[in-house]
Amino acid sequence: MKHSRSWIVELRLRGVDSIEEANRVLPELIEEHNKAFAVEPTDPHSAFVPLEQNQPDLDLILCYRHWRTLGTGQTLSFDHKTYAIAEGSQKSVIPPIPPKTRVEVRQTLDGRLFLWYKGKAYALKEIPKPKRQAAPSKQKAGSKRKPHKPDENHPWRKPLFNPKEAPETARCSQTAPS
């Protein structure tokens, strides 16, 4: 078997055209493949060891990582929801994190959320979105005076020209000079 080509090509070269025949030929192909590529381990013992108590939680390593900016009251927004650090999420006291600090949010594969800050994980809990207080409308506390109206004979009350008195002047002012 030449290992540079795919197993599909190898099955076709051997005349295999059904799943039953492929299942019968497959052990031979696997044996040939293992003869060509198998390597004995240098250490016969398993390389996998159980996690110790002081080692990090694998859920917080194999997770989705997102960056958020912390708001006032140590809250953050994630996926259109508001979250805060859950009480008792860490054995130590929750540190005061200043607002506008960039923090990492870790979402585990089972959907739990953690805030990662200075090498420690703090569980997050969803809180109701705070309702914004409407800003008080800025009304002028002005006087109740009426606006000033000019007298009847004030120049602002009179038109610039009276079309009944001088129709030529009115027409001339509306058209361009020729």
Protein backbone atom coordinates (compact mmCIF):
# COMPACT_ATOMS: atom_id res chain seq x y z
CA MET A 1 0.00 0.00 0.00
CA LYS A 2 1.38 3.38 -0.96
CA HIS A 3 0.74 5.80 1.92
CA SER A 4 0.68 8.95 -0.13
CA ARG A 5 -2.73 8.12 -1.58
CA SER A 6 -6.04 7.95 0.25
CA TRP A 7 -7.71 4.82 1.51
CA ILE A 8 -10.57 5.39 -0.91
CA VAL A 9 -8.14 5.03 -3.82
CA GLU A 10 -6.63 1.94 -2.17
CA LEU A 11 -10.09 0.39 -1.75
CA ARG A 12 -10.87 1.04 -5.44
CA LEU A 13 -7.56 -0.54 -6.50
CA ARG A 14 -8.50 -3.66 -4.52
CA GLY A 15 -11.85 -3.80 -6.30
CA VAL A 16 -13.96 -2.95 -3.24
CA ASP A 17 -17.37 -1.58 -4.18
CA SER A 18 -19.55 -2.23 -1.12
CA ILE A 19 -19.43 -1.43 2.57
CA GLU A 20 -19.33 -5.12 3.49
CA GLU A 21 -16.22 -5.68 1.35
CA ALA A 22 -14.63 -2.51 2.78
CA ASN A 23 -15.21 -3.77 6.34
CA ARG A 24 -13.56 -7.07 5.36
CA VAL A 25 -10.48 -5.36 3.80
CA LEU A 26 -10.13 -2.62 6.45
CA PRO A 27 -8.16 -4.73 9.02
CA GLU A 28 -5.51 -5.44 6.36
CA LEU A 29 -5.24 -1.72 5.55
CA ILE A 30 -4.92 -0.80 9.24
CA GLU A 31 -2.22 -3.46 9.73
CA GLU A 32 -0.24 -2.16 6.74
CA HIS A 33 -0.64 1.41 8.00
CA ASN A 34 0.57 0.50 11.51
CA LYS A 35 3.60 -1.37 10.11
CA ALA A 36 4.62 1.75 8.20
CA PHE A 37 3.93 4.41 10.86
CA ALA A 38 3.74 2.85 14.34
CA VAL A 39 6.34 4.00 16.88
CA GLU A 40 7.00 2.38 20.23
CA PRO A 41 6.66 4.80 23.17
CA THR A 42 9.86 5.67 25.03
CA ASP A 43 8.05 5.28 28.35
CA PRO A 44 5.57 2.40 28.57
CA HIS A 45 3.62 4.07 31.40
CA SER A 46 0.63 6.32 30.70
CA ALA A 47 1.40 10.02 30.32
CA PHE A 48 -2.00 10.99 31.72
CA VAL A 49 -2.09 11.86 35.40
CA PRO A 50 -5.03 12.92 37.57
CA LEU A 51 -5.39 16.60 38.46
CA GLU A 52 -4.09 17.63 41.84
CA GLN A 53 -6.10 19.87 44.19
CA ASN A 54 -3.93 22.95 43.57
CA GLN A 55 -4.03 22.67 39.77
CA PRO A 56 -6.39 24.90 37.78
CA ASP A 57 -9.85 23.76 36.80
CA LEU A 58 -9.82 22.36 33.26
CA ASP A 59 -13.22 23.92 32.62
CA LEU A 60 -11.58 27.35 32.94
CA ILE A 61 -8.80 26.39 30.53
CA LEU A 62 -10.89 24.69 27.86
CA CYS A 63 -13.42 27.49 27.47
CA TYR A 64 -14.48 30.45 25.36
CA ARG A 65 -12.75 33.70 26.31
CA HIS A 66 -14.27 37.14 25.85
CA TRP A 67 -13.09 40.61 26.91
CA ARG A 68 -15.46 43.08 28.55
CA THR A 69 -15.19 46.45 30.29
CA LEU A 70 -16.41 46.47 33.87
CA GLY A 71 -19.12 49.00 34.61
CA THR A 72 -20.02 50.78 37.79
CA GLY A 73 -21.08 48.52 40.63
CA GLN A 74 -18.79 45.77 39.33
CA THR A 75 -21.25 44.75 36.63
CA LEU A 76 -20.68 43.81 33.02
CA SER A 77 -22.75 43.16 29.95
CA PHE A 78 -22.54 39.82 28.15
CA ASP A 79 -24.87 38.43 25.50
CA HIS A 80 -27.41 41.25 26.06
CA LYS A 81 -27.63 40.47 29.79
CA THR A 82 -26.13 42.13 32.87
CA TYR A 83 -23.93 40.13 35.26
CA ALA A 84 -22.32 40.74 38.65
CA ILE A 85 -19.82 38.73 40.68
CA ALA A 86 -21.69 36.08 42.67
CA GLU A 87 -21.28 36.21 46.43
CA GLY A 88 -19.10 33.42 47.81
CA SER A 89 -17.71 32.59 44.38
CA GLN A 90 -14.16 32.50 45.71
CA LYS A 91 -12.82 31.54 49.12
CA SER A 92 -11.05 34.87 49.31
CA VAL A 93 -12.76 38.23 49.51
CA ILE A 94 -13.92 39.66 46.20
CA PRO A 95 -11.42 42.41 45.33
CA PRO A 96 -12.69 45.88 44.51
CA ILE A 97 -12.19 46.16 40.78
CA PRO A 98 -12.21 49.76 39.50
CA PRO A 99 -14.83 50.66 36.88
CA LYS A 100 -13.75 50.66 33.22
CA THR A 101 -11.26 47.86 33.87
CA ARG A 102 -10.85 45.39 30.99
CA VAL A 103 -11.58 41.92 32.35
CA GLU A 104 -11.78 38.50 30.79
CA VAL A 105 -15.06 36.60 30.83
CA ARG A 106 -14.64 32.85 30.52
CA GLN A 107 -17.59 30.82 29.31
CA THR A 108 -17.25 27.11 30.02
CA LEU A 109 -18.45 24.51 27.57
CA ASP A 110 -21.48 23.83 29.79
CA GLY A 111 -22.43 27.56 29.71
CA ARG A 112 -21.24 28.80 33.12
CA LEU A 113 -19.66 32.28 33.22
CA PHE A 114 -16.62 33.38 35.21
CA LEU A 115 -14.83 36.70 35.52
CA TRP A 116 -11.07 36.16 35.33
CA TYR A 117 -9.13 38.86 37.17
CA LYS A 118 -5.50 38.76 38.31
CA GLY A 119 -5.26 34.99 37.92
CA LYS A 120 -8.43 34.15 39.85
CA ALA A 121 -11.87 33.11 38.67
CA TYR A 122 -15.03 34.62 40.12
CA ALA A 123 -18.43 33.14 39.25
CA LEU A 124 -20.87 35.51 37.60
CA LYS A 125 -24.61 35.66 38.20
CA GLU A 126 -27.23 37.33 36.04
CA ILE A 127 -28.87 40.36 37.60
CA PRO A 128 -31.83 42.39 36.41
CA LYS A 129 -30.84 45.15 34.05
CA PRO A 130 -30.78 48.44 35.99
CA LYS A 131 -33.45 50.86 34.88
CA ARG A 132 -32.18 54.27 33.97
CA GLN A 133 -33.65 57.19 35.79
CA ALA A 134 -35.08 59.75 33.42
CA ALA A 135 -33.11 62.95 33.66
CA PRO A 136 -35.22 65.73 35.13
CA SER A 137 -36.38 68.03 32.37
CA LYS A 138 -34.64 71.36 32.46
CA GLN A 139 -37.45 73.86 32.44
CA LYS A 140 -36.61 77.45 32.83
CA ALA A 141 -37.79 78.80 36.10
CA GLY A 142 -38.28 82.07 34.31
CA SER A 143 -40.79 84.77 34.90
CA LYS A 144 -44.31 84.67 33.56
CA ARG A 145 -43.88 87.82 31.52
CA LYS A 146 -45.52 88.04 28.15
CA PRO A 147 -43.22 88.49 25.17
CA HIS A 148 -42.73 92.10 24.06
CA LYS A 149 -44.94 93.20 21.18
CA PRO A 150 -43.92 96.33 19.31
CA ASP A 151 -46.41 99.20 18.98
CA GLU A 152 -48.71 99.50 15.97
CA ASN A 153 -46.61 102.31 14.50
CA HIS A 154 -43.26 100.56 15.05
CA PRO A 155 -41.19 100.13 11.83
CA TRP A 156 -41.15 96.36 12.24
CA ARG A 157 -44.94 96.30 12.06
CA LYS A 158 -45.00 98.11 8.71
CA PRO A 159 -44.28 96.33 5.41
CA LEU A 160 -41.32 97.47 3.36
CA PHE A 161 -43.67 98.55 0.60
CA ASN A 162 -47.38 98.70 0.06
CA PRO A 163 -48.31 96.97 -3.21
CA LYS A 164 -51.51 99.01 -3.52
CA GLU A 165 -49.64 102.30 -3.44
CA ALA A 166 -46.72 101.50 -5.76
CA PRO A 167 -47.31 98.43 -7.97
CA GLU A 168 -44.32 99.25 -10.24
CA THR A 169 -41.97 99.21 -7.29
CA ALA A 170 -43.31 95.88 -6.14
CA ARG A 171 -42.88 94.34 -9.58
CA CYS A 172 -39.40 95.75 -10.01
CA SER A 173 -38.20 94.42 -6.70
CA GLN A 174 -39.36 90.92 -7.59
CA THR A 175 -37.77 90.68 -11.04
CA ALA A 176 -34.18 90.96 -12.05
CA PRO A 177 -33.09 94.25 -13.68
CA SER A 178 -32.87 94.10 -17.46
